[in-house]
């Protein structure tokens, strides 16, 4: 016959083992799926980074010819910009009741 102390210790060990197996069963698969998803996200990010770097290299290879700005037709262009007049801002608190 088993003593109550020994029976309680065995029961606690069995309960801990079942809890650990349950945790591994329910949450262990999710960790593997998360790792696979993070690897996919990293590879997608890597592809996007590579595409960005290719575009950046193409932009670095562009050279601009400054003779356009020396052309008489460019110099004959007229600037039609208008100055923007500073307007006073609205009320300090737009949600306050109107006086």
PDB file of N, CA and C in Angstrom:
ATOM      1  N   UNK A   1       0.843  -1.153   0.000  1.00  0.00           N
ATOM      2  CA  UNK A   1       0.000   0.000   0.000  1.00  0.00           C
ATOM      3  C   UNK A   1       0.907   1.240   0.000  1.00  0.00           C
ATOM      4  N   UNK A   2       0.512   2.285  -0.780  1.00  0.00           N
ATOM      5  CA  UNK A   2       1.291   3.507  -0.928  1.00  0.00           C
ATOM      6  C   UNK A   2       0.944   4.500   0.168  1.00  0.00           C
ATOM      7  N   UNK A   3       1.950   5.174   0.628  1.00  0.00           N
ATOM      8  CA  UNK A   3       1.694   6.195   1.641  1.00  0.00           C
ATOM      9  C   UNK A   3       1.072   7.420   0.956  1.00  0.00           C
ATOM     10  N   UNK A   4       0.303   8.217   1.666  1.00  0.00           N
ATOM     11  CA  UNK A   4      -0.338   9.390   1.062  1.00  0.00           C
ATOM     12  C   UNK A   4       0.679  10.396   0.515  1.00  0.00           C
ATOM     13  N   UNK A   5       1.830  10.520   1.141  1.00  0.00           N
ATOM     14  CA  UNK A   5       2.840  11.455   0.663  1.00  0.00           C
ATOM     15  C   UNK A   5       3.387  10.999  -0.686  1.00  0.00           C
ATOM     16  N   UNK A   6       3.712   9.693  -0.789  1.00  0.00           N
ATOM     17  CA  UNK A   6       4.227   9.157  -2.039  1.00  0.00           C
ATOM     18  C   UNK A   6       3.192   9.269  -3.145  1.00  0.00           C
ATOM     19  N   UNK A   7       1.922   8.998  -2.820  1.00  0.00           N
ATOM     20  CA  UNK A   7       0.828   9.081  -3.791  1.00  0.00           C
ATOM     21  C   UNK A   7       0.670  10.521  -4.283  1.00  0.00           C
ATOM     22  N   UNK A   8       0.789  11.502  -3.405  1.00  0.00           N
ATOM     23  CA  UNK A   8       0.673  12.913  -3.796  1.00  0.00           C
ATOM     24  C   UNK A   8       1.835  13.349  -4.688  1.00  0.00           C
ATOM     25  N   UNK A   9       3.029  12.844  -4.378  1.00  0.00           N
ATOM     26  CA  UNK A   9       4.190  13.184  -5.198  1.00  0.00           C
ATOM     27  C   UNK A   9       4.035  12.602  -6.597  1.00  0.00           C
ATOM     28  N   UNK A  10       3.635  11.348  -6.701  1.00  0.00           N
ATOM     29  CA  UNK A  10       3.424  10.708  -8.011  1.00  0.00           C
ATOM     30  C   UNK A  10       2.319  11.436  -8.775  1.00  0.00           C
ATOM     31  N   UNK A  11       1.230  11.793  -8.084  1.00  0.00           N
ATOM     32  CA  UNK A  11       0.127  12.509  -8.726  1.00  0.00           C
ATOM     33  C   UNK A  11       0.607  13.865  -9.257  1.00  0.00           C
ATOM     34  N   UNK A  12       1.422  14.573  -8.484  1.00  0.00           N
ATOM     35  CA  UNK A  12       1.933  15.876  -8.914  1.00  0.00           C
ATOM     36  C   UNK A  12       2.856  15.723 -10.126  1.00  0.00           C
ATOM     37  N   UNK A  13       3.700  14.697 -10.134  1.00  0.00           N
ATOM     38  CA  UNK A  13       4.591  14.467 -11.272  1.00  0.00           C
ATOM     39  C   UNK A  13       3.806  14.123 -12.529  1.00  0.00           C
ATOM     40  N   UNK A  14       2.787  13.267 -12.398  1.00  0.00           N
ATOM     41  CA  UNK A  14       1.954  12.900 -13.542  1.00  0.00           C
ATOM     42  C   UNK A  14       1.211  14.127 -14.053  1.00  0.00           C
ATOM     43  N   UNK A  15       0.680  14.922 -13.157  1.00  0.00           N
ATOM     44  CA  UNK A  15      -0.039  16.131 -13.543  1.00  0.00           C
ATOM     45  C   UNK A  15       0.894  17.113 -14.251  1.00  0.00           C
ATOM     46  N   UNK A  16       2.132  17.276 -13.766  1.00  0.00           N
ATOM     47  CA  UNK A  16       3.099  18.164 -14.401  1.00  0.00           C
ATOM     48  C   UNK A  16       3.463  17.654 -15.794  1.00  0.00           C
ATOM     49  N   UNK A  17       3.611  16.321 -15.930  1.00  0.00           N
ATOM     50  CA  UNK A  17       3.945  15.755 -17.239  1.00  0.00           C
ATOM     51  C   UNK A  17       2.810  15.969 -18.231  1.00  0.00           C
ATOM     52  N   UNK A  18       1.584  15.780 -17.796  1.00  0.00           N
ATOM     53  CA  UNK A  18       0.425  15.986 -18.674  1.00  0.00           C
ATOM     54  C   UNK A  18       0.321  17.462 -19.064  1.00  0.00           C
ATOM     55  N   UNK A  19       0.560  18.343 -18.120  1.00  0.00           N
ATOM     56  CA  UNK A  19       0.507  19.779 -18.415  1.00  0.00           C
ATOM     57  C   UNK A  19       1.593  20.157 -19.421  1.00  0.00           C
ATOM     58  N   UNK A  20       2.808  19.611 -19.239  1.00  0.00           N
ATOM     59  CA  UNK A  20       3.897  19.908 -20.164  1.00  0.00           C
ATOM     60  C   UNK A  20       3.595  19.378 -21.557  1.00  0.00           C
ATOM     61  N   UNK A  21       3.096  18.137 -21.653  1.00  0.00           N
ATOM     62  CA  UNK A  21       2.743  17.570 -22.953  1.00  0.00           C
ATOM     63  C   UNK A  21       1.617  18.368 -23.613  1.00  0.00           C
ATOM     64  N   UNK A  22       0.639  18.798 -22.818  1.00  0.00           N
ATOM     65  CA  UNK A  22      -0.445  19.616 -23.368  1.00  0.00           C
ATOM     66  C   UNK A  22       0.081  20.937 -23.899  1.00  0.00           C
ATOM     67  N   UNK A  23       0.977  21.549 -23.164  1.00  0.00           N
ATOM     68  CA  UNK A  23       1.565  22.809 -23.623  1.00  0.00           C
ATOM     69  C   UNK A  23       2.315  22.605 -24.930  1.00  0.00           C
ATOM     70  N   UNK A  24       3.144  21.569 -24.995  1.00  0.00           N
ATOM     71  CA  UNK A  24       3.906  21.289 -26.220  1.00  0.00           C
ATOM     72  C   UNK A  24       2.975  20.990 -27.388  1.00  0.00           C
ATOM     73  N   UNK A  25       1.890  20.284 -27.140  1.00  0.00           N
ATOM     74  CA  UNK A  25       0.956  19.934 -28.202  1.00  0.00           C
ATOM     75  C   UNK A  25       0.232  21.168 -28.732  1.00  0.00           C
ATOM     76  N   UNK A  26      -0.270  22.002 -27.829  1.00  0.00           N
ATOM     77  CA  UNK A  26      -1.062  23.149 -28.262  1.00  0.00           C
ATOM     78  C   UNK A  26      -0.218  24.340 -28.711  1.00  0.00           C
ATOM     79  N   UNK A  27       0.886  24.601 -28.044  1.00  0.00           N
ATOM     80  CA  UNK A  27       1.663  25.794 -28.347  1.00  0.00           C
ATOM     81  C   UNK A  27       2.947  25.509 -29.096  1.00  0.00           C
ATOM     82  N   UNK A  28       3.421  24.303 -29.123  1.00  0.00           N
ATOM     83  CA  UNK A  28       4.656  23.963 -29.824  1.00  0.00           C
ATOM     84  C   UNK A  28       4.500  24.076 -31.328  1.00  0.00           C
ATOM     85  N   UNK A  29       3.363  23.677 -31.873  1.00  0.00           N
ATOM     86  CA  UNK A  29       3.121  23.768 -33.308  1.00  0.00           C
ATOM     87  C   UNK A  29       3.025  25.222 -33.730  1.00  0.00           C
ATOM     88  N   UNK A  30       2.455  26.074 -32.890  1.00  0.00           N
ATOM     89  CA  UNK A  30       2.337  27.489 -33.215  1.00  0.00           C
ATOM     90  C   UNK A  30       3.702  28.143 -33.318  1.00  0.00           C
ATOM     91  N   UNK A  31       4.639  27.751 -32.459  1.00  0.00           N
ATOM     92  CA  UNK A  31       5.975  28.323 -32.515  1.00  0.00           C
ATOM     93  C   UNK A  31       6.654  27.957 -33.822  1.00  0.00           C
ATOM     94  N   UNK A  32       6.486  26.720 -34.282  1.00  0.00           N
ATOM     95  CA  UNK A  32       7.076  26.304 -35.555  1.00  0.00           C
ATOM     96  C   UNK A  32       6.438  27.067 -36.705  1.00  0.00           C
ATOM     97  N   UNK A  33       5.126  27.280 -36.650  1.00  0.00           N
ATOM     98  CA  UNK A  33       4.450  28.032 -37.702  1.00  0.00           C
ATOM     99  C   UNK A  33       4.913  29.485 -37.691  1.00  0.00           C
ATOM    100  N   UNK A  34       5.094  30.051 -36.498  1.00  0.00           N
ATOM    101  CA  UNK A  34       5.573  31.427 -36.414  1.00  0.00           C
ATOM    102  C   UNK A  34       6.977  31.547 -36.979  1.00  0.00           C
ATOM    103  N   UNK A  35       7.821  30.557 -36.702  1.00  0.00           N
ATOM    104  CA  UNK A  35       9.172  30.589 -37.243  1.00  0.00           C
ATOM    105  C   UNK A  35       9.140  30.521 -38.759  1.00  0.00           C
ATOM    106  N   UNK A  36       8.286  29.670 -39.330  1.00  0.00           N
ATOM    107  CA  UNK A  36       8.175  29.565 -40.784  1.00  0.00           C
ATOM    108  C   UNK A  36       7.657  30.870 -41.374  1.00  0.00           C
ATOM    109  N   UNK A  37       6.661  31.483 -40.709  1.00  0.00           N
ATOM    110  CA  UNK A  37       6.135  32.757 -41.200  1.00  0.00           C
ATOM    111  C   UNK A  37       7.185  33.846 -41.125  1.00  0.00           C
ATOM    112  N   UNK A  38       7.975  33.868 -40.066  1.00  0.00           N
ATOM    113  CA  UNK A  38       9.000  34.899 -39.950  1.00  0.00           C
ATOM    114  C   UNK A  38      10.084  34.700 -40.998  1.00  0.00           C
ATOM    115  N   UNK A  39      10.396  33.452 -41.325  1.00  0.00           N
ATOM    116  CA  UNK A  39      11.374  33.186 -42.383  1.00  0.00           C
ATOM    117  C   UNK A  39      10.827  33.659 -43.720  1.00  0.00           C
ATOM    118  N   UNK A  40       9.532  33.404 -43.982  1.00  0.00           N
ATOM    119  CA  UNK A  40       8.914  33.883 -45.219  1.00  0.00           C
ATOM    120  C   UNK A  40       8.927  35.405 -45.270  1.00  0.00           C
ATOM    121  N   UNK A  41       8.627  36.041 -44.150  1.00  0.00           N
ATOM    122  CA  UNK A  41       8.621  37.507 -44.104  1.00  0.00           C
ATOM    123  C   UNK A  41      10.029  38.043 -44.338  1.00  0.00           C
ATOM    124  N   UNK A  42      11.025  37.382 -43.769  1.00  0.00           N
ATOM    125  CA  UNK A  42      12.400  37.827 -43.970  1.00  0.00           C
ATOM    126  C   UNK A  42      12.814  37.670 -45.426  1.00  0.00           C
ATOM    127  N   UNK A  43      12.421  36.556 -46.055  1.00  0.00           N
ATOM    128  CA  UNK A  43      12.815  36.369 -47.450  1.00  0.00           C
ATOM    129  C   UNK A  43      12.086  37.365 -48.341  1.00  0.00           C
ATOM    130  N   UNK A  44      10.814  37.686 -48.012  1.00  0.00           N
ATOM    131  CA  UNK A  44      10.095  38.692 -48.794  1.00  0.00           C
ATOM    132  C   UNK A  44      10.743  40.059 -48.607  1.00  0.00           C
ATOM    133  N   UNK A  45      11.109  40.371 -47.369  1.00  0.00           N
ATOM    134  CA  UNK A  45      11.806  41.626 -47.108  1.00  0.00           C
ATOM    135  C   UNK A  45      13.141  41.676 -47.826  1.00  0.00           C
ATOM    136  N   UNK A  46      13.812  40.551 -47.898  1.00  0.00           N
ATOM    137  CA  UNK A  46      15.090  40.493 -48.590  1.00  0.00           C
ATOM    138  C   UNK A  46      14.901  40.748 -50.081  1.00  0.00           C
ATOM    139  N   UNK A  47      13.844  40.172 -50.663  1.00  0.00           N
ATOM    140  CA  UNK A  47      13.564  40.412 -52.086  1.00  0.00           C
ATOM    141  C   UNK A  47      13.262  41.887 -52.326  1.00  0.00           C
ATOM    142  N   UNK A  48      12.470  42.482 -51.434  1.00  0.00           N
ATOM    143  CA  UNK A  48      12.150  43.901 -51.589  1.00  0.00           C
ATOM    144  C   UNK A  48      13.406  44.753 -51.431  1.00  0.00           C
ATOM    145  N   UNK A  49      14.271  44.376 -50.516  1.00  0.00           N
ATOM    146  CA  UNK A  49      15.517  45.108 -50.328  1.00  0.00           C
ATOM    147  C   UNK A  49      16.393  45.002 -51.561  1.00  0.00           C
ATOM    148  N   UNK A  50      16.478  43.820 -52.133  1.00  0.00           N
ATOM    149  CA  UNK A  50      17.275  43.634 -53.340  1.00  0.00           C
ATOM    150  C   UNK A  50      16.726  44.466 -54.492  1.00  0.00           C
ATOM    151  N   UNK A  51      15.394  44.511 -54.639  1.00  0.00           N
ATOM    152  CA  UNK A  51      14.786  45.319 -55.697  1.00  0.00           C
ATOM    153  C   UNK A  51      15.088  46.801 -55.463  1.00  0.00           C
ATOM    154  N   UNK A  52      15.016  47.230 -54.214  1.00  0.00           N
ATOM    155  CA  UNK A  52      15.331  48.629 -53.891  1.00  0.00           C
ATOM    156  C   UNK A  52      16.773  48.954 -54.227  1.00  0.00           C
ATOM    157  N   UNK A  53      17.681  48.053 -53.870  1.00  0.00           N
ATOM    158  CA  UNK A  53      19.092  48.296 -54.141  1.00  0.00           C
ATOM    159  C   UNK A  53      19.387  48.329 -55.637  1.00  0.00           C
ATOM    160  N   UNK A  54      18.695  47.481 -56.422  1.00  0.00           N
ATOM    161  CA  UNK A  54      18.863  47.521 -57.877  1.00  0.00           C
ATOM    162  C   UNK A  54      18.392  48.858 -58.433  1.00  0.00           C
ATOM    163  N   UNK A  55      17.235  49.326 -57.962  1.00  0.00           N
ATOM    164  CA  UNK A  55      16.707  50.615 -58.418  1.00  0.00           C
ATOM    165  C   UNK A  55      17.640  51.741 -58.015  1.00  0.00           C
ATOM    166  N   UNK A  56      18.170  51.684 -56.800  1.00  0.00           N
ATOM    167  CA  UNK A  56      19.101  52.703 -56.336  1.00  0.00           C
ATOM    168  C   UNK A  56      20.349  52.731 -57.207  1.00  0.00           C
ATOM    169  N   UNK A  57      20.856  51.577 -57.572  1.00  0.00           N
ATOM    170  CA  UNK A  57      22.038  51.523 -58.424  1.00  0.00           C
ATOM    171  C   UNK A  57      21.735  52.103 -59.798  1.00  0.00           C
ATOM    172  N   UNK A  58      20.538  51.835 -60.334  1.00  0.00           N
ATOM    173  CA  UNK A  58      20.161  52.409 -61.628  1.00  0.00           C
ATOM    174  C   UNK A  58      20.088  53.928 -61.530  1.00  0.00           C
ATOM    175  N   UNK A  59      19.582  54.437 -60.411  1.00  0.00           N
ATOM    176  CA  UNK A  59      19.500  55.883 -60.240  1.00  0.00           C
ATOM    177  C   UNK A  59      20.877  56.509 -60.093  1.00  0.00           C
ATOM    178  N   UNK A  60      21.795  55.797 -59.455  1.00  0.00           N
ATOM    179  CA  UNK A  60      23.154  56.321 -59.303  1.00  0.00           C
ATOM    180  C   UNK A  60      23.868  56.402 -60.641  1.00  0.00           C
ATOM    181  N   UNK A  61      23.494  55.542 -61.584  1.00  0.00           N
ATOM    182  CA  UNK A  61      24.143  55.518 -62.889  1.00  0.00           C
ATOM    183  C   UNK A  61      23.642  56.623 -63.810  1.00  0.00           C
ATOM    184  N   UNK A  62      22.598  57.342 -63.432  1.00  0.00           N
ATOM    185  CA  UNK A  62      22.055  58.411 -64.261  1.00  0.00           C
ATOM    186  C   UNK A  62      22.958  59.631 -64.151  1.00  0.00           C
ATOM    187  N   UNK A  63      23.273  60.201 -65.291  1.00  0.00           N
ATOM    188  CA  UNK A  63      24.054  61.443 -65.276  1.00  0.00           C
ATOM    189  C   UNK A  63      23.237  62.514 -65.998  1.00  0.00           C
ATOM    190  N   UNK A  64      23.174  63.691 -65.406  1.00  0.00           N
ATOM    191  CA  UNK A  64      22.415  64.797 -65.974  1.00  0.00           C
ATOM    192  C   UNK A  64      23.351  65.707 -66.762  1.00  0.00           C
ATOM    193  N   UNK A  65      22.834  66.173 -67.893  1.00  0.00           N
ATOM    194  CA  UNK A  65      23.597  67.077 -68.739  1.00  0.00           C
ATOM    195  C   UNK A  65      23.150  68.500 -68.435  1.00  0.00           C
ATOM    196  N   UNK A  66      24.040  69.345 -67.993  1.00  0.00           N
ATOM    197  CA  UNK A  66      23.706  70.709 -67.594  1.00  0.00           C
ATOM    198  C   UNK A  66      23.575  71.683 -68.743  1.00  0.00           C
ATOM    199  N   UNK A  67      23.810  71.235 -69.979  1.00  0.00           N
ATOM    200  CA  UNK A  67      23.714  72.161 -71.117  1.00  0.00           C
ATOM    201  C   UNK A  67      22.287  72.638 -71.330  1.00  0.00           C
ATOM    202  N   UNK A  68      21.318  71.922 -70.801  1.00  0.00           N
ATOM    203  CA  UNK A  68      19.916  72.334 -70.920  1.00  0.00           C
ATOM    204  C   UNK A  68      19.708  73.718 -70.307  1.00  0.00           C
ATOM    205  N   UNK A  69      20.367  73.975 -69.174  1.00  0.00           N
ATOM    206  CA  UNK A  69      20.177  75.243 -68.480  1.00  0.00           C
ATOM    207  C   UNK A  69      20.883  76.404 -69.178  1.00  0.00           C
ATOM    208  N   UNK A  70      21.783  76.100 -70.106  1.00  0.00           N
ATOM    209  CA  UNK A  70      22.478  77.142 -70.857  1.00  0.00           C
ATOM    210  C   UNK A  70      21.767  77.470 -72.160  1.00  0.00           C
ATOM    211  N   UNK A  71      20.775  76.677 -72.511  1.00  0.00           N
ATOM    212  CA  UNK A  71      20.037  76.886 -73.760  1.00  0.00           C
ATOM    213  C   UNK A  71      19.245  78.191 -73.688  1.00  0.00           C
ATOM    214  N   UNK A  72      19.174  78.914 -74.792  1.00  0.00           N
ATOM    215  CA  UNK A  72      18.455  80.180 -74.853  1.00  0.00           C
ATOM    216  C   UNK A  72      16.966  80.018 -74.615  1.00  0.00           C
ATOM    217  N   UNK A  73      16.408  78.909 -75.061  1.00  0.00           N
ATOM    218  CA  UNK A  73      14.962  78.676 -74.849  1.00  0.00           C
ATOM    219  C   UNK A  73      14.654  78.516 -73.370  1.00  0.00           C
ATOM    220  N   UNK A  74      15.536  77.841 -72.624  1.00  0.00           N
ATOM    221  CA  UNK A  74      15.326  77.695 -71.180  1.00  0.00           C
ATOM    222  C   UNK A  74      15.462  79.041 -70.486  1.00  0.00           C
ATOM    223  N   UNK A  75      16.436  79.828 -70.899  1.00  0.00           N
ATOM    224  CA  UNK A  75      16.656  81.128 -70.278  1.00  0.00           C
ATOM    225  C   UNK A  75      15.530  82.105 -70.601  1.00  0.00           C
ATOM    226  N   UNK A  76      14.796  81.869 -71.688  1.00  0.00           N
ATOM    227  CA  UNK A  76      13.714  82.785 -72.051  1.00  0.00           C
ATOM    228  C   UNK A  76      12.411  82.488 -71.306  1.00  0.00           C
ATOM    229  N   UNK A  77      12.384  81.435 -70.528  1.00  0.00           N
ATOM    230  CA  UNK A  77      11.176  81.121 -69.771  1.00  0.00           C
ATOM    231  C   UNK A  77      10.927  82.195 -68.728  1.00  0.00           C
ATOM    232  N   UNK A  78       9.632  82.492 -68.475  1.00  0.00           N
ATOM    233  CA  UNK A  78       9.251  83.544 -67.538  1.00  0.00           C
ATOM    234  C   UNK A  78       8.708  82.897 -66.266  1.00  0.00           C
ATOM    235  N   UNK A  79       9.110  83.430 -65.143  1.00  0.00           N
ATOM    236  CA  UNK A  79       8.653  82.933 -63.848  1.00  0.00           C
ATOM    237  C   UNK A  79       7.303  83.560 -63.526  1.00  0.00           C
ATOM    238  N   UNK A  80       6.253  82.752 -63.397  1.00  0.00           N
ATOM    239  CA  UNK A  80       4.904  83.240 -63.117  1.00  0.00           C
ATOM    240  C   UNK A  80       4.469  82.914 -61.688  1.00  0.00           C
ATOM    241  N   UNK A  81       5.416  82.695 -60.810  1.00  0.00           N
ATOM    242  CA  UNK A  81       5.053  82.375 -59.431  1.00  0.00           C
ATOM    243  C   UNK A  81       4.399  83.573 -58.766  1.00  0.00           C
ATOM    244  N   UNK A  82       3.472  83.268 -57.839  1.00  0.00           N
ATOM    245  CA  UNK A  82       2.831  84.319 -57.061  1.00  0.00           C
ATOM    246  C   UNK A  82       3.197  84.103 -55.598  1.00  0.00           C
ATOM    247  N   UNK A  83       3.431  85.204 -54.921  1.00  0.00           N
ATOM    248  CA  UNK A  83       3.790  85.110 -53.519  1.00  0.00           C
ATOM    249  C   UNK A  83       2.567  84.699 -52.711  1.00  0.00           C
ATOM    250  N   UNK A  84       2.760  83.800 -51.778  1.00  0.00           N
ATOM    251  CA  UNK A  84       1.665  83.343 -50.918  1.00  0.00           C
ATOM    252  C   UNK A  84       1.611  84.261 -49.710  1.00  0.00           C
ATOM    253  N   UNK A  85       0.431  84.885 -49.548  1.00  0.00           N
ATOM    254  CA  UNK A  85       0.247  85.828 -48.450  1.00  0.00           C
ATOM    255  C   UNK A  85      -0.089  85.051 -47.192  1.00  0.00           C
ATOM    256  N   UNK A  86       0.571  85.409 -46.112  1.00  0.00           N
ATOM    257  CA  UNK A  86       0.338  84.745 -44.827  1.00  0.00           C
ATOM    258  C   UNK A  86      -1.056  85.121 -44.327  1.00  0.00           C
ATOM    259  N   UNK A  87      -1.859  84.138 -44.008  1.00  0.00           N
ATOM    260  CA  UNK A  87      -3.216  84.345 -43.487  1.00  0.00           C
ATOM    261  C   UNK A  87      -3.207  84.083 -41.982  1.00  0.00           C
ATOM    262  N   UNK A  88      -4.045  84.808 -41.242  1.00  0.00           N
ATOM    263  CA  UNK A  88      -4.109  84.514 -39.802  1.00  0.00           C
ATOM    264  C   UNK A  88      -4.714  83.129 -39.585  1.00  0.00           C
ATOM    265  N   UNK A  89      -4.222  82.463 -38.559  1.00  0.00           N
ATOM    266  CA  UNK A  89      -4.720  81.128 -38.237  1.00  0.00           C
ATOM    267  C   UNK A  89      -6.121  81.247 -37.658  1.00  0.00           C
ATOM    268  N   UNK A  90      -6.811  80.144 -37.563  1.00  0.00           N
ATOM    269  CA  UNK A  90      -8.167  80.121 -37.006  1.00  0.00           C
ATOM    270  C   UNK A  90      -8.144  80.349 -35.512  1.00  0.00           C
ATOM    271  N   UNK A  91      -9.239  79.979 -34.878  1.00  0.00           N
ATOM    272  CA  UNK A  91      -9.342  80.178 -33.432  1.00  0.00           C
ATOM    273  C   UNK A  91      -8.347  79.297 -32.699  1.00  0.00           C
ATOM    274  N   UNK A  92      -8.007  79.713 -31.504  1.00  0.00           N
ATOM    275  CA  UNK A  92      -7.051  78.959 -30.709  1.00  0.00           C
ATOM    276  C   UNK A  92      -7.605  77.578 -30.379  1.00  0.00           C
ATOM    277  N   UNK A  93      -8.884  77.506 -30.020  1.00  0.00           N
ATOM    278  CA  UNK A  93      -9.538  76.227 -29.742  1.00  0.00           C
ATOM    279  C   UNK A  93     -10.767  76.136 -30.644  1.00  0.00           C
ATOM    280  N   UNK A  94     -10.724  75.372 -31.715  1.00  0.00           N
ATOM    281  CA  UNK A  94     -11.849  75.325 -32.650  1.00  0.00           C
ATOM    282  C   UNK A  94     -13.104  74.681 -32.046  1.00  0.00           C
ATOM    283  N   UNK A  95     -12.974  73.973 -30.931  1.00  0.00           N
ATOM    284  CA  UNK A  95     -14.118  73.310 -30.329  1.00  0.00           C
ATOM    285  C   UNK A  95     -14.766  74.149 -29.231  1.00  0.00           C
ATOM    286  N   UNK A  96     -14.189  75.285 -28.933  1.00  0.00           N
ATOM    287  CA  UNK A  96     -14.765  76.159 -27.903  1.00  0.00           C
ATOM    288  C   UNK A  96     -16.047  76.796 -28.459  1.00  0.00           C
ATOM    289  N   UNK A  97     -16.999  77.141 -27.597  1.00  0.00           N
ATOM    290  CA  UNK A  97     -18.227  77.784 -28.078  1.00  0.00           C
ATOM    291  C   UNK A  97     -17.897  79.135 -28.728  1.00  0.00           C
ATOM    292  N   UNK A  98     -18.680  79.469 -29.749  1.00  0.00           N
ATOM    293  CA  UNK A  98     -18.489  80.737 -30.440  1.00  0.00           C
ATOM    294  C   UNK A  98     -19.030  81.853 -29.552  1.00  0.00           C
ATOM    295  N   UNK A  99     -18.265  82.937 -29.357  1.00  0.00           N
ATOM    296  CA  UNK A  99     -18.727  84.015 -28.464  1.00  0.00           C
ATOM    297  C   UNK A  99     -19.884  84.786 -29.065  1.00  0.00           C
TER     298      UNK A  99
END
